[in-house]
Amino acid sequence: MTFAGLATFASIFLIGSMLLTWVVLNYLRRKAILDMPNHRSSHAVPTPRGGGLAVTPLLIVLVAVVFVFNGVSDIGDWLMLAACAGLGLLSWLDDRHDLSAAKRFALQFVAVIIGMLALDKPVLGGLVPIWLDHVLVVLAWVWFINLFNFMDGIDGITGVEAGSIGLGIFVLALFVPLPQFIGLGYIGLGILAIMIGFLIWNWHPAKLFLGDVGSIPLGFILGWLLLKVASEGAWTIALILPSYYLFDATFTLIKRALRREKIWQAHREHFYQKATQRGFSHAWVSLMILVSNLILIGVCFAQSDTPDWMRVIAALIVVLGLVGMMVRMPVRETRGT
């Protein structure tokens, strides 16, 4: 696809996301579907929740268009996309009626097991028996879905993270223009465009929140994309691109689990939340994450002869540097909300 074609492709999804999010925002306001502040919230005023009603359909359309454009006929790929749609419906019900954690996790496992049909190669490259590869991938994918949901706690953060991952996968397709990466690159570019359109409404101070109806399917599709990248041999890139989210969510989960707390309950212990508690605005913290993600993309593609282990160490240094800034920044008198 030419530069003009890529620009047109991205523009369609950016404008579509901006306009559809506006339509959804007005619907949520009319129906008074609001996220009410509480002691665990990072916002202070009732805010419409359910922006995923715009993001998730566009995400499904995006992947379907790329599948059709690339002549994808494998039933497994289409079943994966159907599982994503099912997760979106389940998550909207959860947003409205608070489904039990057991039901949510059970149905997420079902969706991921179906999604495995869209992975035609071992993700771990034959390092373990194929049955163990499948088990580990299912567990990792379910965890990724939930960490994406857990981390969606301040204005702009998930749009920044998802857009950064999409950008990274698009850059991969540019640097390594092999058939197995080109289709994924289009999806990455589309996700970047959709997230920019959504961020117009979700940037601080947010006019609406994504909700589970957005964060859960988004985590599902991004998880699939990263696993596909890993299965094609680019496991380092698949690990580095989401490394801040992986580190923050996993570290916080382990800490809460060791204290025997209910890890699925909302809280304010993530590193990005500590930064807002120190008085920094949602916009400032999200920008810090954006800059760090851009550096991580640079780590992925700088100096092609750099060993993978050195890239991983460099990425860890970037993430630890970001975390250190979040917890060591001087406290501001006016707290960002």
C-alpha atoms as a PDB file:
ATOM      1  CA  MET A   1       0.000   0.000   0.000  1.00  0.00           C
ATOM      2  CA  THR A   2       1.308   3.450  -0.900  1.00  0.00           C
ATOM      3  CA  PHE A   3       1.821   6.264   1.600  1.00  0.00           C
ATOM      4  CA  ALA A   4      -1.377   7.904   0.356  1.00  0.00           C
ATOM      5  CA  GLY A   5      -3.221   4.615   0.793  1.00  0.00           C
ATOM      6  CA  LEU A   6      -1.921   4.190   4.347  1.00  0.00           C
ATOM      7  CA  ALA A   7      -2.884   7.788   5.178  1.00  0.00           C
ATOM      8  CA  THR A   8      -6.383   7.251   3.796  1.00  0.00           C
ATOM      9  CA  PHE A   9      -6.744   3.952   5.647  1.00  0.00           C
ATOM     10  CA  ALA A  10      -5.682   5.540   8.952  1.00  0.00           C
ATOM     11  CA  SER A  11      -7.804   8.653   8.392  1.00  0.00           C
ATOM     12  CA  ILE A  12     -10.964   6.615   7.881  1.00  0.00           C
ATOM     13  CA  PHE A  13     -10.553   4.880  11.242  1.00  0.00           C
ATOM     14  CA  LEU A  14      -9.422   8.042  13.048  1.00  0.00           C
ATOM     15  CA  ILE A  15     -12.418  10.079  11.846  1.00  0.00           C
ATOM     16  CA  GLY A  16     -14.746   7.121  12.362  1.00  0.00           C
ATOM     17  CA  SER A  17     -13.504   6.725  15.937  1.00  0.00           C
ATOM     18  CA  MET A  18     -13.853  10.432  16.694  1.00  0.00           C
ATOM     19  CA  LEU A  19     -17.400  10.625  15.325  1.00  0.00           C
ATOM     20  CA  LEU A  20     -18.678   7.317  16.704  1.00  0.00           C
ATOM     21  CA  THR A  21     -17.280   8.125  20.147  1.00  0.00           C
ATOM     22  CA  TRP A  22     -19.176  11.429  20.022  1.00  0.00           C
ATOM     23  CA  VAL A  23     -22.390   9.535  19.183  1.00  0.00           C
ATOM     24  CA  VAL A  24     -21.782   7.078  22.029  1.00  0.00           C
ATOM     25  CA  LEU A  25     -21.007   9.928  24.439  1.00  0.00           C
ATOM     26  CA  ASN A  26     -24.363  11.549  23.723  1.00  0.00           C
ATOM     27  CA  TYR A  27     -26.131   8.192  24.156  1.00  0.00           C
ATOM     28  CA  LEU A  28     -24.440   7.576  27.512  1.00  0.00           C
ATOM     29  CA  ARG A  29     -25.369  11.071  28.687  1.00  0.00           C
ATOM     30  CA  ARG A  30     -29.024  10.617  27.677  1.00  0.00           C
ATOM     31  CA  LYS A  31     -29.203   7.285  29.469  1.00  0.00           C
ATOM     32  CA  ALA A  32     -27.240   8.627  32.465  1.00  0.00           C
ATOM     33  CA  ILE A  33     -24.794   5.704  32.290  1.00  0.00           C
ATOM     34  CA  LEU A  34     -22.167   7.188  34.556  1.00  0.00           C
ATOM     35  CA  ASP A  35     -19.113   6.097  36.496  1.00  0.00           C
ATOM     36  CA  MET A  36     -19.699   7.492  39.967  1.00  0.00           C
ATOM     37  CA  PRO A  37     -16.610   8.530  41.973  1.00  0.00           C
ATOM     38  CA  ASN A  38     -15.680   6.547  45.079  1.00  0.00           C
ATOM     39  CA  HIS A  39     -12.679   6.247  47.380  1.00  0.00           C
ATOM     40  CA  ARG A  40     -10.875   4.028  44.841  1.00  0.00           C
ATOM     41  CA  SER A  41     -11.545   6.303  41.867  1.00  0.00           C
ATOM     42  CA  SER A  42      -9.067   8.626  40.183  1.00  0.00           C
ATOM     43  CA  HIS A  43     -11.822  10.997  39.039  1.00  0.00           C
ATOM     44  CA  ALA A  44     -13.897  13.420  41.072  1.00  0.00           C
ATOM     45  CA  VAL A  45     -17.066  13.953  39.013  1.00  0.00           C
ATOM     46  CA  PRO A  46     -19.609  11.498  37.514  1.00  0.00           C
ATOM     47  CA  THR A  47     -18.406  10.633  34.005  1.00  0.00           C
ATOM     48  CA  PRO A  48     -20.081   8.614  31.219  1.00  0.00           C
ATOM     49  CA  ARG A  49     -18.629   5.101  30.988  1.00  0.00           C
ATOM     50  CA  GLY A  50     -18.930   2.950  27.891  1.00  0.00           C
ATOM     51  CA  GLY A  51     -16.707   4.517  25.239  1.00  0.00           C
ATOM     52  CA  GLY A  52     -15.892   0.978  24.202  1.00  0.00           C
ATOM     53  CA  LEU A  53     -19.278   0.909  22.465  1.00  0.00           C
ATOM     54  CA  ALA A  54     -17.474   2.949  19.807  1.00  0.00           C
ATOM     55  CA  VAL A  55     -13.977   1.456  20.046  1.00  0.00           C
ATOM     56  CA  THR A  56     -14.863  -2.247  20.056  1.00  0.00           C
ATOM     57  CA  PRO A  57     -17.065  -2.296  16.909  1.00  0.00           C
ATOM     58  CA  LEU A  58     -14.421  -0.284  15.053  1.00  0.00           C
ATOM     59  CA  LEU A  59     -11.748  -2.692  16.268  1.00  0.00           C
ATOM     60  CA  ILE A  60     -13.731  -5.670  14.960  1.00  0.00           C
ATOM     61  CA  VAL A  61     -14.402  -3.922  11.630  1.00  0.00           C
ATOM     62  CA  LEU A  62     -10.685  -3.076  11.342  1.00  0.00           C
ATOM     63  CA  VAL A  63      -9.534  -6.672  11.803  1.00  0.00           C
ATOM     64  CA  ALA A  64     -12.290  -7.978   9.524  1.00  0.00           C
ATOM     65  CA  VAL A  65     -11.319  -5.523   6.759  1.00  0.00           C
ATOM     66  CA  VAL A  66      -7.669  -6.576   6.981  1.00  0.00           C
ATOM     67  CA  PHE A  67      -8.668 -10.244   6.936  1.00  0.00           C
ATOM     68  CA  VAL A  68     -10.760  -9.711   3.794  1.00  0.00           C
ATOM     69  CA  PHE A  69      -8.081  -7.566   2.143  1.00  0.00           C
ATOM     70  CA  ASN A  70      -5.473 -10.287   2.801  1.00  0.00           C
ATOM     71  CA  GLY A  71      -7.773 -13.112   1.739  1.00  0.00           C
ATOM     72  CA  VAL A  72      -7.851 -14.743   5.177  1.00  0.00           C
ATOM     73  CA  SER A  73     -10.167 -17.742   4.943  1.00  0.00           C
ATOM     74  CA  ASP A  74      -9.047 -19.801   7.949  1.00  0.00           C
ATOM     75  CA  ILE A  75     -12.105 -20.337  10.146  1.00  0.00           C
ATOM     76  CA  GLY A  76      -9.906 -20.036  13.233  1.00  0.00           C
ATOM     77  CA  ASP A  77      -9.154 -16.380  12.525  1.00  0.00           C
ATOM     78  CA  TRP A  78     -12.824 -15.539  12.109  1.00  0.00           C
ATOM     79  CA  LEU A  79     -13.771 -17.495  15.242  1.00  0.00           C
ATOM     80  CA  MET A  80     -11.174 -15.455  17.135  1.00  0.00           C
ATOM     81  CA  LEU A  81     -12.865 -12.293  15.922  1.00  0.00           C
ATOM     82  CA  ALA A  82     -16.274 -13.671  16.927  1.00  0.00           C
ATOM     83  CA  ALA A  83     -14.855 -14.426  20.385  1.00  0.00           C
ATOM     84  CA  CYS A  84     -13.747 -10.791  20.602  1.00  0.00           C
ATOM     85  CA  ALA A  85     -17.287  -9.651  19.808  1.00  0.00           C
ATOM     86  CA  GLY A  86     -18.618 -12.014  22.458  1.00  0.00           C
ATOM     87  CA  LEU A  87     -16.214 -10.568  25.018  1.00  0.00           C
ATOM     88  CA  GLY A  88     -17.435  -7.091  24.104  1.00  0.00           C
ATOM     89  CA  LEU A  89     -21.040  -8.099  24.778  1.00  0.00           C
ATOM     90  CA  LEU A  90     -20.104  -9.816  28.041  1.00  0.00           C
ATOM     91  CA  SER A  91     -18.129  -6.769  29.156  1.00  0.00           C
ATOM     92  CA  TRP A  92     -21.004  -4.403  28.403  1.00  0.00           C
ATOM     93  CA  LEU A  93     -23.256  -6.576  30.579  1.00  0.00           C
ATOM     94  CA  ASP A  94     -20.584  -6.414  33.274  1.00  0.00           C
ATOM     95  CA  ASP A  95     -20.413  -2.608  32.978  1.00  0.00           C
ATOM     96  CA  ARG A  96     -24.170  -2.431  33.471  1.00  0.00           C
ATOM     97  CA  HIS A  97     -24.841  -5.251  35.952  1.00  0.00           C
ATOM     98  CA  ASP A  98     -21.523  -6.194  37.665  1.00  0.00           C
ATOM     99  CA  LEU A  99     -21.137  -9.863  36.767  1.00  0.00           C
ATOM    100  CA  SER A 100     -19.290 -12.084  39.216  1.00  0.00           C
ATOM    101  CA  ALA A 101     -15.528 -12.479  38.829  1.00  0.00           C
ATOM    102  CA  ALA A 102     -15.973 -16.243  38.346  1.00  0.00           C
ATOM    103  CA  LYS A 103     -18.290 -15.734  35.353  1.00  0.00           C
ATOM    104  CA  ARG A 104     -15.999 -13.144  33.812  1.00  0.00           C
ATOM    105  CA  PHE A 105     -12.888 -15.280  34.109  1.00  0.00           C
ATOM    106  CA  ALA A 106     -14.636 -18.430  32.880  1.00  0.00           C
ATOM    107  CA  LEU A 107     -15.906 -16.720  29.740  1.00  0.00           C
ATOM    108  CA  GLN A 108     -12.539 -15.066  29.146  1.00  0.00           C
ATOM    109  CA  PHE A 109     -10.906 -18.499  29.209  1.00  0.00           C
ATOM    110  CA  VAL A 110     -13.474 -19.754  26.691  1.00  0.00           C
ATOM    111  CA  ALA A 111     -12.786 -16.771  24.396  1.00  0.00           C
ATOM    112  CA  VAL A 112      -9.025 -17.275  24.624  1.00  0.00           C
ATOM    113  CA  ILE A 113      -9.249 -21.016  23.934  1.00  0.00           C
ATOM    114  CA  ILE A 114     -11.287 -20.184  20.829  1.00  0.00           C
ATOM    115  CA  GLY A 115      -8.768 -17.477  19.969  1.00  0.00           C
ATOM    116  CA  MET A 116      -5.977 -20.059  20.052  1.00  0.00           C
ATOM    117  CA  LEU A 117      -7.351 -21.352  16.749  1.00  0.00           C
ATOM    118  CA  ALA A 118      -5.952 -18.190  15.145  1.00  0.00           C
ATOM    119  CA  LEU A 119      -2.390 -19.037  16.255  1.00  0.00           C
ATOM    120  CA  ASP A 120      -0.997 -21.562  13.802  1.00  0.00           C
ATOM    121  CA  LYS A 121       2.559 -21.711  15.198  1.00  0.00           C
ATOM    122  CA  PRO A 122       4.012 -22.373  18.659  1.00  0.00           C
ATOM    123  CA  VAL A 123       4.461 -19.041  20.428  1.00  0.00           C
ATOM    124  CA  LEU A 124       7.507 -20.202  22.382  1.00  0.00           C
ATOM    125  CA  GLY A 125       9.297 -21.444  19.276  1.00  0.00           C
ATOM    126  CA  GLY A 126       9.434 -25.104  20.203  1.00  0.00           C
ATOM    127  CA  LEU A 127      11.191 -24.526  23.535  1.00  0.00           C
ATOM    128  CA  VAL A 128       8.517 -26.568  25.326  1.00  0.00           C
ATOM    129  CA  PRO A 129       6.141 -29.358  24.229  1.00  0.00           C
ATOM    130  CA  ILE A 130       3.240 -28.057  22.153  1.00  0.00           C
ATOM    131  CA  TRP A 131       0.662 -28.861  24.832  1.00  0.00           C
ATOM    132  CA  LEU A 132       2.608 -26.819  27.375  1.00  0.00           C
ATOM    133  CA  ASP A 133       3.007 -23.995  24.845  1.00  0.00           C
ATOM    134  CA  HIS A 134      -0.789 -23.888  24.492  1.00  0.00           C
ATOM    135  CA  VAL A 135      -1.368 -23.907  28.262  1.00  0.00           C
ATOM    136  CA  LEU A 136       1.124 -21.110  28.892  1.00  0.00           C
ATOM    137  CA  VAL A 137      -0.271 -19.023  26.030  1.00  0.00           C
ATOM    138  CA  VAL A 138      -3.843 -19.351  27.339  1.00  0.00           C
ATOM    139  CA  LEU A 139      -2.748 -18.246  30.828  1.00  0.00           C
ATOM    140  CA  ALA A 140      -0.657 -15.373  29.474  1.00  0.00           C
ATOM    141  CA  TRP A 141      -3.456 -14.190  27.164  1.00  0.00           C
ATOM    142  CA  VAL A 142      -6.080 -14.198  29.923  1.00  0.00           C
ATOM    143  CA  TRP A 143      -3.661 -12.313  32.170  1.00  0.00           C
ATOM    144  CA  PHE A 144      -2.994  -9.747  29.438  1.00  0.00           C
ATOM    145  CA  ILE A 145      -6.729  -9.149  28.960  1.00  0.00           C
ATOM    146  CA  ASN A 146      -7.159  -8.487  32.667  1.00  0.00           C
ATOM    147  CA  LEU A 147      -4.061  -6.378  33.146  1.00  0.00           C
ATOM    148  CA  PHE A 148      -5.284  -4.147  30.320  1.00  0.00           C
ATOM    149  CA  ASN A 149      -8.512  -3.735  32.251  1.00  0.00           C
ATOM    150  CA  PHE A 150      -6.746  -3.212  35.595  1.00  0.00           C
ATOM    151  CA  MET A 151      -4.492  -0.504  34.149  1.00  0.00           C
ATOM    152  CA  ASP A 152      -7.346   1.552  32.659  1.00  0.00           C
ATOM    153  CA  GLY A 153      -7.525   3.872  35.643  1.00  0.00           C
ATOM    154  CA  ILE A 154      -6.764   7.435  34.524  1.00  0.00           C
ATOM    155  CA  ASP A 155      -7.660   9.635  31.560  1.00  0.00           C
ATOM    156  CA  GLY A 156      -5.805   8.752  28.387  1.00  0.00           C
ATOM    157  CA  ILE A 157      -3.686   5.898  29.691  1.00  0.00           C
ATOM    158  CA  THR A 158      -5.209   3.004  27.742  1.00  0.00           C
ATOM    159  CA  GLY A 159      -5.479   5.015  24.534  1.00  0.00           C
ATOM    160  CA  VAL A 160      -1.787   5.857  24.861  1.00  0.00           C
ATOM    161  CA  GLU A 161      -0.760   2.261  25.619  1.00  0.00           C
ATOM    162  CA  ALA A 162      -2.896   0.615  22.920  1.00  0.00           C
ATOM    163  CA  GLY A 163      -1.882   3.227  20.353  1.00  0.00           C
ATOM    164  CA  SER A 164       1.790   2.741  21.213  1.00  0.00           C
ATOM    165  CA  ILE A 165       1.553  -1.029  20.772  1.00  0.00           C
ATOM    166  CA  GLY A 166      -0.253  -0.513  17.461  1.00  0.00           C
ATOM    167  CA  LEU A 167       2.452   1.905  16.332  1.00  0.00           C
ATOM    168  CA  GLY A 168       5.176  -0.550  17.325  1.00  0.00           C
ATOM    169  CA  ILE A 169       3.620  -3.354  15.291  1.00  0.00           C
ATOM    170  CA  PHE A 170       3.186  -1.012  12.322  1.00  0.00           C
ATOM    171  CA  VAL A 171       6.868  -0.045  12.536  1.00  0.00           C
ATOM    172  CA  LEU A 172       7.755  -3.760  12.671  1.00  0.00           C
ATOM    173  CA  ALA A 173       5.910  -4.264   9.372  1.00  0.00           C
ATOM    174  CA  LEU A 174       7.834  -1.338   7.863  1.00  0.00           C
ATOM    175  CA  PHE A 175      11.232  -2.609   9.035  1.00  0.00           C
ATOM    176  CA  VAL A 176      10.484  -6.282   8.277  1.00  0.00           C
ATOM    177  CA  PRO A 177       8.073  -6.205   5.312  1.00  0.00           C
ATOM    178  CA  LEU A 178       7.407  -9.953   5.272  1.00  0.00           C
ATOM    179  CA  PRO A 179       3.931 -11.286   4.420  1.00  0.00           C
ATOM    180  CA  GLN A 180       3.341 -12.527   7.979  1.00  0.00           C
ATOM    181  CA  PHE A 181       3.897  -9.020   9.377  1.00  0.00           C
ATOM    182  CA  ILE A 182       2.261  -6.809   6.746  1.00  0.00           C
ATOM    183  CA  GLY A 183      -1.332  -7.666   7.693  1.00  0.00           C
ATOM    184  CA  LEU A 184      -0.502  -7.240  11.367  1.00  0.00           C
ATOM    185  CA  GLY A 185       1.039  -3.875  10.524  1.00  0.00           C
ATOM    186  CA  TYR A 186      -2.213  -2.670   8.966  1.00  0.00           C
ATOM    187  CA  ILE A 187      -4.071  -3.702  12.110  1.00  0.00           C
ATOM    188  CA  GLY A 188      -1.488  -1.902  14.236  1.00  0.00           C
ATOM    189  CA  LEU A 189      -1.901   1.277  12.206  1.00  0.00           C
ATOM    190  CA  GLY A 190      -5.682   1.021  12.460  1.00  0.00           C
ATOM    191  CA  ILE A 191      -5.515   0.590  16.235  1.00  0.00           C
ATOM    192  CA  LEU A 192      -3.289   3.677  16.467  1.00  0.00           C
ATOM    193  CA  ALA A 193      -5.832   5.672  14.450  1.00  0.00           C
ATOM    194  CA  ILE A 194      -8.810   4.431  16.483  1.00  0.00           C
ATOM    195  CA  MET A 195      -7.047   5.304  19.730  1.00  0.00           C
ATOM    196  CA  ILE A 196      -6.191   8.821  18.558  1.00  0.00           C
ATOM    197  CA  GLY A 197      -9.839   9.381  17.652  1.00  0.00           C
ATOM    198  CA  PHE A 198     -10.936   8.079  21.041  1.00  0.00           C
ATOM    199  CA  LEU A 199      -8.330  10.142  22.921  1.00  0.00           C
ATOM    200  CA  ILE A 200      -9.881  13.332  21.563  1.00  0.00           C
ATOM    201  CA  TRP A 201     -12.730  12.583  23.997  1.00  0.00           C
ATOM    202  CA  ASN A 202     -10.817  10.631  26.657  1.00  0.00           C
ATOM    203  CA  TRP A 203      -7.869  12.988  27.175  1.00  0.00           C
ATOM    204  CA  HIS A 204      -7.777  14.794  30.517  1.00  0.00           C
ATOM    205  CA  PRO A 205     -10.259  15.967  31.601  1.00  0.00           C
ATOM    206  CA  ALA A 206     -12.032  12.979  30.053  1.00  0.00           C
ATOM    207  CA  LYS A 207     -15.555  13.427  28.741  1.00  0.00           C
ATOM    208  CA  LEU A 208     -16.090   9.659  28.879  1.00  0.00           C
ATOM    209  CA  PHE A 209     -14.336   6.473  29.965  1.00  0.00           C
ATOM    210  CA  LEU A 210     -13.632   3.354  27.940  1.00  0.00           C
ATOM    211  CA  GLY A 211     -15.305   0.896  30.328  1.00  0.00           C
ATOM    212  CA  ASP A 212     -14.842  -2.874  30.334  1.00  0.00           C
ATOM    213  CA  VAL A 213     -16.717  -3.000  27.013  1.00  0.00           C
ATOM    214  CA  GLY A 214     -13.633  -1.353  25.531  1.00  0.00           C
ATOM    215  CA  SER A 215     -10.662  -2.420  27.629  1.00  0.00           C
ATOM    216  CA  ILE A 216     -11.444  -6.171  27.645  1.00  0.00           C
ATOM    217  CA  PRO A 217     -11.841  -6.649  23.835  1.00  0.00           C
ATOM    218  CA  LEU A 218      -8.918  -4.293  23.278  1.00  0.00           C
ATOM    219  CA  GLY A 219      -6.734  -6.397  25.556  1.00  0.00           C
ATOM    220  CA  PHE A 220      -7.932  -9.524  23.737  1.00  0.00           C
ATOM    221  CA  ILE A 221      -7.026  -8.226  20.256  1.00  0.00           C
ATOM    222  CA  LEU A 222      -3.714  -6.727  21.368  1.00  0.00           C
ATOM    223  CA  GLY A 223      -2.877  -9.988  23.123  1.00  0.00           C
ATOM    224  CA  TRP A 224      -3.550 -11.884  19.891  1.00  0.00           C
ATOM    225  CA  LEU A 225      -1.421  -9.436  17.886  1.00  0.00           C
ATOM    226  CA  LEU A 226       1.531  -9.736  20.271  1.00  0.00           C
ATOM    227  CA  LEU A 227       1.266 -13.524  20.380  1.00  0.00           C
ATOM    228  CA  LYS A 228       1.203 -13.628  16.566  1.00  0.00           C
ATOM    229  CA  VAL A 229       4.325 -11.468  16.470  1.00  0.00           C
ATOM    230  CA  ALA A 230       6.029 -13.756  18.990  1.00  0.00           C
ATOM    231  CA  SER A 231       5.031 -16.898  17.071  1.00  0.00           C
ATOM    232  CA  GLU A 232       6.750 -15.453  13.980  1.00  0.00           C
ATOM    233  CA  GLY A 233      10.027 -15.210  15.880  1.00  0.00           C
ATOM    234  CA  ALA A 234       9.870 -11.568  17.034  1.00  0.00           C
ATOM    235  CA  TRP A 235       9.256 -12.497  20.677  1.00  0.00           C
ATOM    236  CA  THR A 236      11.519  -9.714  21.953  1.00  0.00           C
ATOM    237  CA  ILE A 237       9.364  -7.063  20.285  1.00  0.00           C
ATOM    238  CA  ALA A 238       6.186  -8.709  21.597  1.00  0.00           C
ATOM    239  CA  LEU A 239       7.621  -8.558  25.121  1.00  0.00           C
ATOM    240  CA  ILE A 240       9.083  -5.044  24.983  1.00  0.00           C
ATOM    241  CA  LEU A 241       6.166  -3.109  23.446  1.00  0.00           C
ATOM    242  CA  PRO A 242       3.746  -3.639  26.396  1.00  0.00           C
ATOM    243  CA  SER A 243       6.491  -3.890  29.026  1.00  0.00           C
ATOM    244  CA  TYR A 244       5.368  -0.972  31.210  1.00  0.00           C
ATOM    245  CA  TYR A 245       1.827  -2.362  31.511  1.00  0.00           C
ATOM    246  CA  LEU A 246       3.219  -5.864  32.092  1.00  0.00           C
ATOM    247  CA  PHE A 247       5.556  -4.675  34.845  1.00  0.00           C
ATOM    248  CA  ASP A 248       3.159  -2.360  36.673  1.00  0.00           C
ATOM    249  CA  ALA A 249       0.200  -4.757  36.638  1.00  0.00           C
ATOM    250  CA  THR A 250       2.204  -7.902  37.493  1.00  0.00           C
ATOM    251  CA  PHE A 251       4.224  -6.267  40.279  1.00  0.00           C
ATOM    252  CA  THR A 252       1.083  -4.792  41.829  1.00  0.00           C
ATOM    253  CA  LEU A 253      -0.817  -8.082  41.526  1.00  0.00           C
ATOM    254  CA  ILE A 254       1.945 -10.045  43.257  1.00  0.00           C
ATOM    255  CA  LYS A 255       2.177  -7.450  46.030  1.00  0.00           C
ATOM    256  CA  ARG A 256      -1.578  -7.550  46.640  1.00  0.00           C
ATOM    257  CA  ALA A 257      -1.683 -11.355  46.442  1.00  0.00           C
ATOM    258  CA  LEU A 258       1.063 -11.643  49.069  1.00  0.00           C
ATOM    259  CA  ARG A 259      -1.096  -9.471  51.349  1.00  0.00           C
ATOM    260  CA  ARG A 260      -4.014 -11.854  50.631  1.00  0.00           C
ATOM    261  CA  GLU A 261      -6.125  -9.096  49.126  1.00  0.00           C
ATOM    262  CA  LYS A 262      -8.778  -9.688  46.467  1.00  0.00           C
ATOM    263  CA  ILE A 263      -6.708  -9.003  43.384  1.00  0.00           C
ATOM    264  CA  TRP A 264      -9.722  -8.467  41.117  1.00  0.00           C
ATOM    265  CA  GLN A 265     -11.092  -5.588  43.180  1.00  0.00           C
ATOM    266  CA  ALA A 266     -10.453  -1.959  42.233  1.00  0.00           C
ATOM    267  CA  HIS A 267      -7.644  -0.191  44.082  1.00  0.00           C
ATOM    268  CA  ARG A 268      -5.206   2.705  43.782  1.00  0.00           C
ATOM    269  CA  GLU A 269      -1.826   0.989  44.103  1.00  0.00           C
ATOM    270  CA  HIS A 270      -0.501   1.004  40.534  1.00  0.00           C
ATOM    271  CA  PHE A 271       2.564   3.157  39.954  1.00  0.00           C
ATOM    272  CA  TYR A 272       0.698   5.515  37.619  1.00  0.00           C
ATOM    273  CA  GLN A 273      -1.922   5.997  40.352  1.00  0.00           C
ATOM    274  CA  LYS A 274       0.801   6.837  42.851  1.00  0.00           C
ATOM    275  CA  ALA A 275       1.973   9.564  40.477  1.00  0.00           C
ATOM    276  CA  THR A 276      -1.498  11.144  40.349  1.00  0.00           C
ATOM    277  CA  GLN A 277      -1.731  10.853  44.137  1.00  0.00           C
ATOM    278  CA  ARG A 278       1.464  12.900  44.312  1.00  0.00           C
ATOM    279  CA  GLY A 279      -0.351  15.719  42.536  1.00  0.00           C
ATOM    280  CA  PHE A 280       0.466  15.144  38.865  1.00  0.00           C
ATOM    281  CA  SER A 281      -2.351  15.397  36.365  1.00  0.00           C
ATOM    282  CA  HIS A 282      -3.660  12.477  34.349  1.00  0.00           C
ATOM    283  CA  ALA A 283      -2.406  14.210  31.196  1.00  0.00           C
ATOM    284  CA  TRP A 284       1.129  14.550  32.555  1.00  0.00           C
ATOM    285  CA  VAL A 285       1.314  10.895  33.660  1.00  0.00           C
ATOM    286  CA  SER A 286      -0.113   9.636  30.360  1.00  0.00           C
ATOM    287  CA  LEU A 287       2.438  11.751  28.484  1.00  0.00           C
ATOM    288  CA  MET A 288       5.231  10.232  30.575  1.00  0.00           C
ATOM    289  CA  ILE A 289       4.021   6.768  29.569  1.00  0.00           C
ATOM    290  CA  LEU A 290       3.780   7.849  25.924  1.00  0.00           C
ATOM    291  CA  VAL A 291       7.363   9.111  25.881  1.00  0.00           C
ATOM    292  CA  SER A 292       8.581   5.921  27.550  1.00  0.00           C
ATOM    293  CA  ASN A 293       6.669   3.806  25.030  1.00  0.00           C
ATOM    294  CA  LEU A 294       8.256   5.693  22.149  1.00  0.00           C
ATOM    295  CA  ILE A 295      11.660   4.974  23.680  1.00  0.00           C
ATOM    296  CA  LEU A 296      10.694   1.299  23.979  1.00  0.00           C
ATOM    297  CA  ILE A 297       9.795   1.258  20.273  1.00  0.00           C
ATOM    298  CA  GLY A 298      13.227   2.731  19.588  1.00  0.00           C
ATOM    299  CA  VAL A 299      14.813  -0.013  21.707  1.00  0.00           C
ATOM    300  CA  CYS A 300      13.013  -2.616  19.585  1.00  0.00           C
ATOM    301  CA  PHE A 301      14.356  -1.364  16.269  1.00  0.00           C
ATOM    302  CA  ALA A 302      17.647   0.427  16.951  1.00  0.00           C
ATOM    303  CA  GLN A 303      20.801  -1.394  15.787  1.00  0.00           C
ATOM    304  CA  SER A 304      19.531  -4.573  14.164  1.00  0.00           C
ATOM    305  CA  ASP A 305      22.596  -6.547  15.288  1.00  0.00           C
ATOM    306  CA  THR A 306      21.937  -5.879  19.000  1.00  0.00           C
ATOM    307  CA  PRO A 307      21.397  -9.179  20.889  1.00  0.00           C
ATOM    308  CA  ASP A 308      17.855  -9.795  22.135  1.00  0.00           C
ATOM    309  CA  TRP A 309      18.970 -10.027  25.756  1.00  0.00           C
ATOM    310  CA  MET A 310      20.485  -6.546  25.554  1.00  0.00           C
ATOM    311  CA  ARG A 311      17.218  -5.160  24.182  1.00  0.00           C
ATOM    312  CA  VAL A 312      15.277  -6.731  27.036  1.00  0.00           C
ATOM    313  CA  ILE A 313      17.668  -5.267  29.612  1.00  0.00           C
ATOM    314  CA  ALA A 314      17.456  -1.843  27.944  1.00  0.00           C
ATOM    315  CA  ALA A 315      13.643  -2.047  28.013  1.00  0.00           C
ATOM    316  CA  LEU A 316      13.704  -2.994  31.699  1.00  0.00           C
ATOM    317  CA  ILE A 317      15.897   0.033  32.426  1.00  0.00           C
ATOM    318  CA  VAL A 318      13.400   2.283  30.611  1.00  0.00           C
ATOM    319  CA  VAL A 319      10.446   0.821  32.553  1.00  0.00           C
ATOM    320  CA  LEU A 320      12.235   1.031  35.907  1.00  0.00           C
ATOM    321  CA  GLY A 321      13.223   4.602  35.114  1.00  0.00           C
ATOM    322  CA  LEU A 322       9.582   5.483  34.429  1.00  0.00           C
ATOM    323  CA  VAL A 323       8.430   3.769  37.612  1.00  0.00           C
ATOM    324  CA  GLY A 324      11.139   5.531  39.589  1.00  0.00           C
ATOM    325  CA  MET A 325       9.967   8.910  38.283  1.00  0.00           C
ATOM    326  CA  MET A 326       6.377   8.096  39.212  1.00  0.00           C
ATOM    327  CA  VAL A 327       7.157   7.273  42.838  1.00  0.00           C
ATOM    328  CA  ARG A 328       9.994   9.752  43.421  1.00  0.00           C
ATOM    329  CA  MET A 329       8.601  12.933  41.852  1.00  0.00           C
ATOM    330  CA  PRO A 330       8.140  15.756  44.366  1.00  0.00           C
ATOM    331  CA  VAL A 331       4.585  16.091  45.646  1.00  0.00           C
ATOM    332  CA  ARG A 332       2.574  18.915  44.123  1.00  0.00           C
ATOM    333  CA  GLU A 333       0.218  20.939  46.258  1.00  0.00           C
ATOM    334  CA  THR A 334      -2.694  20.641  43.779  1.00  0.00           C
ATOM    335  CA  ARG A 335      -3.600  17.029  43.100  1.00  0.00           C
ATOM    336  CA  GLY A 336      -4.404  16.098  39.475  1.00  0.00           C
ATOM    337  CA  THR A 337      -7.757  14.366  39.032  1.00  0.00           C
END
